[in-house]
PDB file of N, CA and C in Angstrom:
ATOM      1  N   UNK A   1      10.670 -15.246   2.001  1.00  0.00           N
ATOM      2  CA  UNK A   1      10.012 -14.021   2.431  1.00  0.00           C
ATOM      3  C   UNK A   1      10.941 -12.843   2.211  1.00  0.00           C
ATOM      4  N   UNK A   2      10.580 -11.699   2.762  1.00  0.00           N
ATOM      5  CA  UNK A   2      11.308 -10.454   2.513  1.00  0.00           C
ATOM      6  C   UNK A   2      12.770 -10.535   2.913  1.00  0.00           C
ATOM      7  N   UNK A   3      13.088 -11.291   3.960  1.00  0.00           N
ATOM      8  CA  UNK A   3      14.481 -11.367   4.405  1.00  0.00           C
ATOM      9  C   UNK A   3      15.379 -12.066   3.381  1.00  0.00           C
ATOM     10  N   UNK A   4      14.785 -12.765   2.421  1.00  0.00           N
ATOM     11  CA  UNK A   4      15.552 -13.447   1.385  1.00  0.00           C
ATOM     12  C   UNK A   4      15.846 -12.568   0.177  1.00  0.00           C
ATOM     13  N   UNK A   5      15.342 -11.335   0.187  1.00  0.00           N
ATOM     14  CA  UNK A   5      15.512 -10.444  -0.955  1.00  0.00           C
ATOM     15  C   UNK A   5      16.802  -9.649  -0.834  1.00  0.00           C
ATOM     16  N   UNK A   6      17.415  -9.339  -1.971  1.00  0.00           N
ATOM     17  CA  UNK A   6      18.577  -8.459  -1.948  1.00  0.00           C
ATOM     18  C   UNK A   6      18.116  -7.036  -2.256  1.00  0.00           C
ATOM     19  N   UNK A   7      19.024  -6.159  -2.647  1.00  0.00           N
ATOM     20  CA  UNK A   7      18.675  -4.754  -2.892  1.00  0.00           C
ATOM     21  C   UNK A   7      18.267  -4.484  -4.333  1.00  0.00           C
ATOM     22  N   UNK A   8      17.791  -5.479  -5.041  1.00  0.00           N
ATOM     23  CA  UNK A   8      17.379  -5.321  -6.429  1.00  0.00           C
ATOM     24  C   UNK A   8      16.117  -4.485  -6.542  1.00  0.00           C
ATOM     25  N   UNK A   9      15.892  -3.974  -7.725  1.00  0.00           N
ATOM     26  CA  UNK A   9      14.668  -3.249  -8.034  1.00  0.00           C
ATOM     27  C   UNK A   9      13.750  -4.217  -8.762  1.00  0.00           C
ATOM     28  N   UNK A  10      12.478  -4.213  -8.403  1.00  0.00           N
ATOM     29  CA  UNK A  10      11.514  -5.112  -9.019  1.00  0.00           C
ATOM     30  C   UNK A  10      10.428  -4.299  -9.715  1.00  0.00           C
ATOM     31  N   UNK A  11      10.104  -4.709 -10.923  1.00  0.00           N
ATOM     32  CA  UNK A  11       9.001  -4.106 -11.667  1.00  0.00           C
ATOM     33  C   UNK A  11       8.063  -5.249 -12.039  1.00  0.00           C
ATOM     34  N   UNK A  12       6.820  -5.118 -11.680  1.00  0.00           N
ATOM     35  CA  UNK A  12       5.862  -6.165 -11.985  1.00  0.00           C
ATOM     36  C   UNK A  12       4.616  -5.582 -12.625  1.00  0.00           C
ATOM     37  N   UNK A  13       3.970  -6.375 -13.429  1.00  0.00           N
ATOM     38  CA  UNK A  13       2.732  -5.953 -14.069  1.00  0.00           C
ATOM     39  C   UNK A  13       1.618  -6.904 -13.663  1.00  0.00           C
ATOM     40  N   UNK A  14       0.432  -6.350 -13.496  1.00  0.00           N
ATOM     41  CA  UNK A  14      -0.761  -7.150 -13.210  1.00  0.00           C
ATOM     42  C   UNK A  14      -0.629  -8.015 -11.962  1.00  0.00           C
ATOM     43  N   UNK A  15       0.040  -7.501 -10.949  1.00  0.00           N
ATOM     44  CA  UNK A  15       0.182  -8.247  -9.699  1.00  0.00           C
ATOM     45  C   UNK A  15      -1.059  -8.061  -8.833  1.00  0.00           C
ATOM     46  N   UNK A  16      -1.538  -6.831  -8.746  1.00  0.00           N
ATOM     47  CA  UNK A  16      -2.730  -6.536  -7.955  1.00  0.00           C
ATOM     48  C   UNK A  16      -3.889  -6.215  -8.887  1.00  0.00           C
ATOM     49  N   UNK A  17      -5.070  -6.634  -8.517  1.00  0.00           N
ATOM     50  CA  UNK A  17      -6.271  -6.403  -9.299  1.00  0.00           C
ATOM     51  C   UNK A  17      -6.662  -4.922  -9.262  1.00  0.00           C
ATOM     52  N   UNK A  18      -6.841  -4.307 -10.424  1.00  0.00           N
ATOM     53  CA  UNK A  18      -7.144  -2.875 -10.516  1.00  0.00           C
ATOM     54  C   UNK A  18      -8.441  -2.511  -9.795  1.00  0.00           C
ATOM     55  N   UNK A  19      -9.468  -3.338  -9.909  1.00  0.00           N
ATOM     56  CA  UNK A  19     -10.739  -3.042  -9.233  1.00  0.00           C
ATOM     57  C   UNK A  19     -10.577  -3.083  -7.718  1.00  0.00           C
ATOM     58  N   UNK A  20      -9.853  -4.082  -7.241  1.00  0.00           N
ATOM     59  CA  UNK A  20      -9.629  -4.196  -5.806  1.00  0.00           C
ATOM     60  C   UNK A  20      -8.797  -3.017  -5.284  1.00  0.00           C
ATOM     61  N   UNK A  21      -7.796  -2.607  -6.041  1.00  0.00           N
ATOM     62  CA  UNK A  21      -7.000  -1.433  -5.663  1.00  0.00           C
ATOM     63  C   UNK A  21      -7.885  -0.188  -5.624  1.00  0.00           C
ATOM     64  N   UNK A  22      -8.781  -0.069  -6.594  1.00  0.00           N
ATOM     65  CA  UNK A  22      -9.705   1.063  -6.608  1.00  0.00           C
ATOM     66  C   UNK A  22     -10.590   1.093  -5.374  1.00  0.00           C
ATOM     67  N   UNK A  23     -11.028  -0.082  -4.939  1.00  0.00           N
ATOM     68  CA  UNK A  23     -11.837  -0.162  -3.715  1.00  0.00           C
ATOM     69  C   UNK A  23     -11.017   0.277  -2.499  1.00  0.00           C
ATOM     70  N   UNK A  24      -9.746  -0.063  -2.457  1.00  0.00           N
ATOM     71  CA  UNK A  24      -8.905   0.320  -1.328  1.00  0.00           C
ATOM     72  C   UNK A  24      -8.629   1.830  -1.334  1.00  0.00           C
ATOM     73  N   UNK A  25      -8.543   2.427  -2.509  1.00  0.00           N
ATOM     74  CA  UNK A  25      -8.439   3.892  -2.599  1.00  0.00           C
ATOM     75  C   UNK A  25      -9.698   4.510  -2.016  1.00  0.00           C
ATOM     76  N   UNK A  26     -10.840   3.933  -2.340  1.00  0.00           N
ATOM     77  CA  UNK A  26     -12.106   4.429  -1.788  1.00  0.00           C
ATOM     78  C   UNK A  26     -12.146   4.275  -0.269  1.00  0.00           C
ATOM     79  N   UNK A  27     -11.617   3.178   0.254  1.00  0.00           N
ATOM     80  CA  UNK A  27     -11.540   2.979   1.706  1.00  0.00           C
ATOM     81  C   UNK A  27     -10.723   4.098   2.340  1.00  0.00           C
ATOM     82  N   UNK A  28      -9.591   4.438   1.732  1.00  0.00           N
ATOM     83  CA  UNK A  28      -8.739   5.513   2.260  1.00  0.00           C
ATOM     84  C   UNK A  28      -9.451   6.862   2.186  1.00  0.00           C
ATOM     85  N   UNK A  29     -10.108   7.133   1.081  1.00  0.00           N
ATOM     86  CA  UNK A  29     -10.808   8.410   0.938  1.00  0.00           C
ATOM     87  C   UNK A  29     -11.984   8.510   1.908  1.00  0.00           C
ATOM     88  N   UNK A  30     -12.695   7.411   2.122  1.00  0.00           N
ATOM     89  CA  UNK A  30     -13.806   7.403   3.083  1.00  0.00           C
ATOM     90  C   UNK A  30     -13.278   7.623   4.499  1.00  0.00           C
ATOM     91  N   UNK A  31     -12.190   6.965   4.837  1.00  0.00           N
ATOM     92  CA  UNK A  31     -11.555   7.156   6.144  1.00  0.00           C
ATOM     93  C   UNK A  31     -11.220   8.628   6.354  1.00  0.00           C
ATOM     94  N   UNK A  32     -10.623   9.236   5.358  1.00  0.00           N
ATOM     95  CA  UNK A  32     -10.251  10.651   5.440  1.00  0.00           C
ATOM     96  C   UNK A  32     -11.493  11.529   5.622  1.00  0.00           C
ATOM     97  N   UNK A  33     -12.518  11.278   4.839  1.00  0.00           N
ATOM     98  CA  UNK A  33     -13.727  12.104   4.898  1.00  0.00           C
ATOM     99  C   UNK A  33     -14.444  11.964   6.244  1.00  0.00           C
ATOM    100  N   UNK A  34     -14.481  10.761   6.789  1.00  0.00           N
ATOM    101  CA  UNK A  34     -15.192  10.520   8.051  1.00  0.00           C
ATOM    102  C   UNK A  34     -14.429  10.992   9.280  1.00  0.00           C
ATOM    103  N   UNK A  35     -13.127  11.107   9.182  1.00  0.00           N
ATOM    104  CA  UNK A  35     -12.332  11.434  10.366  1.00  0.00           C
ATOM    105  C   UNK A  35     -12.476  12.897  10.776  1.00  0.00           C
ATOM    106  N   UNK A  36     -12.863  13.757   9.832  1.00  0.00           N
ATOM    107  CA  UNK A  36     -13.042  15.164  10.150  1.00  0.00           C
ATOM    108  C   UNK A  36     -11.751  15.944  10.317  1.00  0.00           C
ATOM    109  N   UNK A  37     -10.639  15.332   9.953  1.00  0.00           N
ATOM    110  CA  UNK A  37      -9.365  16.043  10.014  1.00  0.00           C
ATOM    111  C   UNK A  37      -8.526  15.652   8.805  1.00  0.00           C
ATOM    112  N   UNK A  38      -7.456  16.371   8.593  1.00  0.00           N
ATOM    113  CA  UNK A  38      -6.585  16.075   7.462  1.00  0.00           C
ATOM    114  C   UNK A  38      -5.641  14.943   7.831  1.00  0.00           C
ATOM    115  N   UNK A  39      -5.807  13.802   7.197  1.00  0.00           N
ATOM    116  CA  UNK A  39      -4.952  12.638   7.433  1.00  0.00           C
ATOM    117  C   UNK A  39      -3.858  12.499   6.390  1.00  0.00           C
ATOM    118  N   UNK A  40      -3.968  13.283   5.315  1.00  0.00           N
ATOM    119  CA  UNK A  40      -2.967  13.184   4.256  1.00  0.00           C
ATOM    120  C   UNK A  40      -1.652  13.770   4.750  1.00  0.00           C
ATOM    121  N   UNK A  41      -0.572  13.051   4.520  1.00  0.00           N
ATOM    122  CA  UNK A  41       0.751  13.530   4.922  1.00  0.00           C
ATOM    123  C   UNK A  41       1.585  13.813   3.679  1.00  0.00           C
ATOM    124  N   UNK A  42       2.540  14.709   3.826  1.00  0.00           N
ATOM    125  CA  UNK A  42       3.414  15.053   2.697  1.00  0.00           C
ATOM    126  C   UNK A  42       4.891  15.003   3.061  1.00  0.00           C
ATOM    127  N   UNK A  43       5.206  14.663   4.294  1.00  0.00           N
ATOM    128  CA  UNK A  43       6.618  14.736   4.704  1.00  0.00           C
ATOM    129  C   UNK A  43       7.169  13.405   5.226  1.00  0.00           C
ATOM    130  N   UNK A  44       6.535  12.293   4.902  1.00  0.00           N
ATOM    131  CA  UNK A  44       7.014  10.999   5.409  1.00  0.00           C
ATOM    132  C   UNK A  44       8.182  10.446   4.607  1.00  0.00           C
ATOM    133  N   UNK A  45       8.321  10.826   3.364  1.00  0.00           N
ATOM    134  CA  UNK A  45       9.359  10.265   2.498  1.00  0.00           C
ATOM    135  C   UNK A  45      10.245  11.387   1.966  1.00  0.00           C
ATOM    136  N   UNK A  46      11.409  11.529   2.532  1.00  0.00           N
ATOM    137  CA  UNK A  46      12.304  12.621   2.141  1.00  0.00           C
ATOM    138  C   UNK A  46      12.787  12.462   0.700  1.00  0.00           C
ATOM    139  N   UNK A  47      13.261  11.284   0.339  1.00  0.00           N
ATOM    140  CA  UNK A  47      13.871  11.084  -0.977  1.00  0.00           C
ATOM    141  C   UNK A  47      12.842  11.048  -2.106  1.00  0.00           C
ATOM    142  N   UNK A  48      11.629  10.572  -1.811  1.00  0.00           N
ATOM    143  CA  UNK A  48      10.584  10.464  -2.832  1.00  0.00           C
ATOM    144  C   UNK A  48       9.308  11.036  -2.240  1.00  0.00           C
ATOM    145  N   UNK A  49       9.107  12.357  -2.345  1.00  0.00           N
ATOM    146  CA  UNK A  49       7.932  12.986  -1.735  1.00  0.00           C
ATOM    147  C   UNK A  49       6.620  12.418  -2.286  1.00  0.00           C
ATOM    148  N   UNK A  50       5.687  12.165  -1.383  1.00  0.00           N
ATOM    149  CA  UNK A  50       4.363  11.677  -1.759  1.00  0.00           C
ATOM    150  C   UNK A  50       3.318  12.370  -0.897  1.00  0.00           C
ATOM    151  N   UNK A  51       2.091  12.273  -1.318  1.00  0.00           N
ATOM    152  CA  UNK A  51       0.956  12.671  -0.491  1.00  0.00           C
ATOM    153  C   UNK A  51       0.188  11.391  -0.212  1.00  0.00           C
ATOM    154  N   UNK A  52       0.131  11.002   1.061  1.00  0.00           N
ATOM    155  CA  UNK A  52      -0.482   9.723   1.381  1.00  0.00           C
ATOM    156  C   UNK A  52      -1.036   9.712   2.801  1.00  0.00           C
ATOM    157  N   UNK A  53      -1.732   8.651   3.120  1.00  0.00           N
ATOM    158  CA  UNK A  53      -2.194   8.379   4.480  1.00  0.00           C
ATOM    159  C   UNK A  53      -1.424   7.140   4.932  1.00  0.00           C
ATOM    160  N   UNK A  54      -0.773   7.179   6.080  1.00  0.00           N
ATOM    161  CA  UNK A  54      -0.070   5.982   6.556  1.00  0.00           C
ATOM    162  C   UNK A  54      -1.027   4.797   6.643  1.00  0.00           C
ATOM    163  N   UNK A  55      -0.673   3.705   6.020  1.00  0.00           N
ATOM    164  CA  UNK A  55      -1.557   2.545   5.897  1.00  0.00           C
ATOM    165  C   UNK A  55      -1.950   1.972   7.254  1.00  0.00           C
ATOM    166  N   UNK A  56      -1.089   2.093   8.247  1.00  0.00           N
ATOM    167  CA  UNK A  56      -1.397   1.532   9.564  1.00  0.00           C
ATOM    168  C   UNK A  56      -2.564   2.245  10.243  1.00  0.00           C
ATOM    169  N   UNK A  57      -2.948   3.415   9.757  1.00  0.00           N
ATOM    170  CA  UNK A  57      -4.071   4.143  10.346  1.00  0.00           C
ATOM    171  C   UNK A  57      -5.429   3.575   9.938  1.00  0.00           C
ATOM    172  N   UNK A  58      -5.457   2.740   8.917  1.00  0.00           N
ATOM    173  CA  UNK A  58      -6.718   2.214   8.387  1.00  0.00           C
ATOM    174  C   UNK A  58      -6.656   0.689   8.452  1.00  0.00           C
ATOM    175  N   UNK A  59      -7.271   0.110   9.474  1.00  0.00           N
ATOM    176  CA  UNK A  59      -7.124  -1.331   9.717  1.00  0.00           C
ATOM    177  C   UNK A  59      -7.564  -2.188   8.534  1.00  0.00           C
ATOM    178  N   UNK A  60      -8.656  -1.825   7.875  1.00  0.00           N
ATOM    179  CA  UNK A  60      -9.122  -2.604   6.718  1.00  0.00           C
ATOM    180  C   UNK A  60      -8.082  -2.592   5.605  1.00  0.00           C
ATOM    181  N   UNK A  61      -7.487  -1.446   5.360  1.00  0.00           N
ATOM    182  CA  UNK A  61      -6.476  -1.315   4.313  1.00  0.00           C
ATOM    183  C   UNK A  61      -5.198  -2.054   4.691  1.00  0.00           C
ATOM    184  N   UNK A  62      -4.783  -1.946   5.938  1.00  0.00           N
ATOM    185  CA  UNK A  62      -3.580  -2.639   6.395  1.00  0.00           C
ATOM    186  C   UNK A  62      -3.749  -4.151   6.291  1.00  0.00           C
ATOM    187  N   UNK A  63      -4.895  -4.648   6.693  1.00  0.00           N
ATOM    188  CA  UNK A  63      -5.169  -6.085   6.605  1.00  0.00           C
ATOM    189  C   UNK A  63      -5.124  -6.555   5.154  1.00  0.00           C
ATOM    190  N   UNK A  64      -5.795  -5.837   4.268  1.00  0.00           N
ATOM    191  CA  UNK A  64      -5.805  -6.178   2.841  1.00  0.00           C
ATOM    192  C   UNK A  64      -4.391  -6.179   2.290  1.00  0.00           C
ATOM    193  N   UNK A  65      -3.612  -5.138   2.596  1.00  0.00           N
ATOM    194  CA  UNK A  65      -2.267  -5.016   2.047  1.00  0.00           C
ATOM    195  C   UNK A  65      -1.359  -6.143   2.553  1.00  0.00           C
ATOM    196  N   UNK A  66      -1.458  -6.491   3.822  1.00  0.00           N
ATOM    197  CA  UNK A  66      -0.631  -7.581   4.356  1.00  0.00           C
ATOM    198  C   UNK A  66      -0.933  -8.903   3.655  1.00  0.00           C
ATOM    199  N   UNK A  67      -2.196  -9.135   3.336  1.00  0.00           N
ATOM    200  CA  UNK A  67      -2.574 -10.337   2.589  1.00  0.00           C
ATOM    201  C   UNK A  67      -1.964 -10.300   1.191  1.00  0.00           C
ATOM    202  N   UNK A  68      -2.017  -9.127   0.551  1.00  0.00           N
ATOM    203  CA  UNK A  68      -1.451  -8.999  -0.798  1.00  0.00           C
ATOM    204  C   UNK A  68       0.056  -9.224  -0.784  1.00  0.00           C
ATOM    205  N   UNK A  69       0.722  -8.715   0.258  1.00  0.00           N
ATOM    206  CA  UNK A  69       2.163  -8.950   0.379  1.00  0.00           C
ATOM    207  C   UNK A  69       2.456 -10.444   0.398  1.00  0.00           C
ATOM    208  N   UNK A  70       1.749 -11.170   1.249  1.00  0.00           N
ATOM    209  CA  UNK A  70       2.003 -12.595   1.424  1.00  0.00           C
ATOM    210  C   UNK A  70       1.635 -13.412   0.189  1.00  0.00           C
ATOM    211  N   UNK A  71       0.464 -13.132  -0.385  1.00  0.00           N
ATOM    212  CA  UNK A  71      -0.051 -13.975  -1.468  1.00  0.00           C
ATOM    213  C   UNK A  71       0.420 -13.583  -2.863  1.00  0.00           C
ATOM    214  N   UNK A  72       0.688 -12.295  -3.073  1.00  0.00           N
ATOM    215  CA  UNK A  72       0.964 -11.849  -4.441  1.00  0.00           C
ATOM    216  C   UNK A  72       2.294 -11.110  -4.614  1.00  0.00           C
ATOM    217  N   UNK A  73       2.565 -10.138  -3.750  1.00  0.00           N
ATOM    218  CA  UNK A  73       3.727  -9.268  -3.977  1.00  0.00           C
ATOM    219  C   UNK A  73       5.040 -10.004  -3.724  1.00  0.00           C
ATOM    220  N   UNK A  74       5.211 -10.594  -2.541  1.00  0.00           N
ATOM    221  CA  UNK A  74       6.450 -11.316  -2.268  1.00  0.00           C
ATOM    222  C   UNK A  74       6.678 -12.475  -3.236  1.00  0.00           C
ATOM    223  N   UNK A  75       5.647 -13.296  -3.533  1.00  0.00           N
ATOM    224  CA  UNK A  75       5.874 -14.357  -4.519  1.00  0.00           C
ATOM    225  C   UNK A  75       6.301 -13.821  -5.888  1.00  0.00           C
ATOM    226  N   UNK A  76       5.734 -12.697  -6.311  1.00  0.00           N
ATOM    227  CA  UNK A  76       6.115 -12.124  -7.601  1.00  0.00           C
ATOM    228  C   UNK A  76       7.568 -11.662  -7.598  1.00  0.00           C
ATOM    229  N   UNK A  77       8.072 -11.255  -6.446  1.00  0.00           N
ATOM    230  CA  UNK A  77       9.461 -10.789  -6.347  1.00  0.00           C
ATOM    231  C   UNK A  77      10.448 -11.948  -6.340  1.00  0.00           C
ATOM    232  N   UNK A  78       9.989 -13.134  -6.056  1.00  0.00           N
ATOM    233  CA  UNK A  78      10.873 -14.290  -5.981  1.00  0.00           C
ATOM    234  C   UNK A  78      11.139 -14.939  -7.335  1.00  0.00           C
ATOM    235  N   UNK A  79      10.468 -14.500  -8.366  1.00  0.00           N
ATOM    236  CA  UNK A  79      10.609 -15.088  -9.690  1.00  0.00           C
ATOM    237  C   UNK A  79      11.964 -14.764 -10.266  1.00  0.00           C
TER     238      UNK A  79
END
């Protein structure tokens, strides 16, 4: 698992399904639209600025991502 990883950089291709990722983007955009407020943040990452919504705010997205970590992302990093 993650505790077995060192500080290496990993680059992977075709780890996550593009259609499924697109659906998760739609989940985030729908969450934002339905909430009636601005959920996009711009100051969470000092070294690498991004515009994003914290994943923990969207339970469906967090659940999906945790599954991907376990089944696809961490195993791909162990190669």
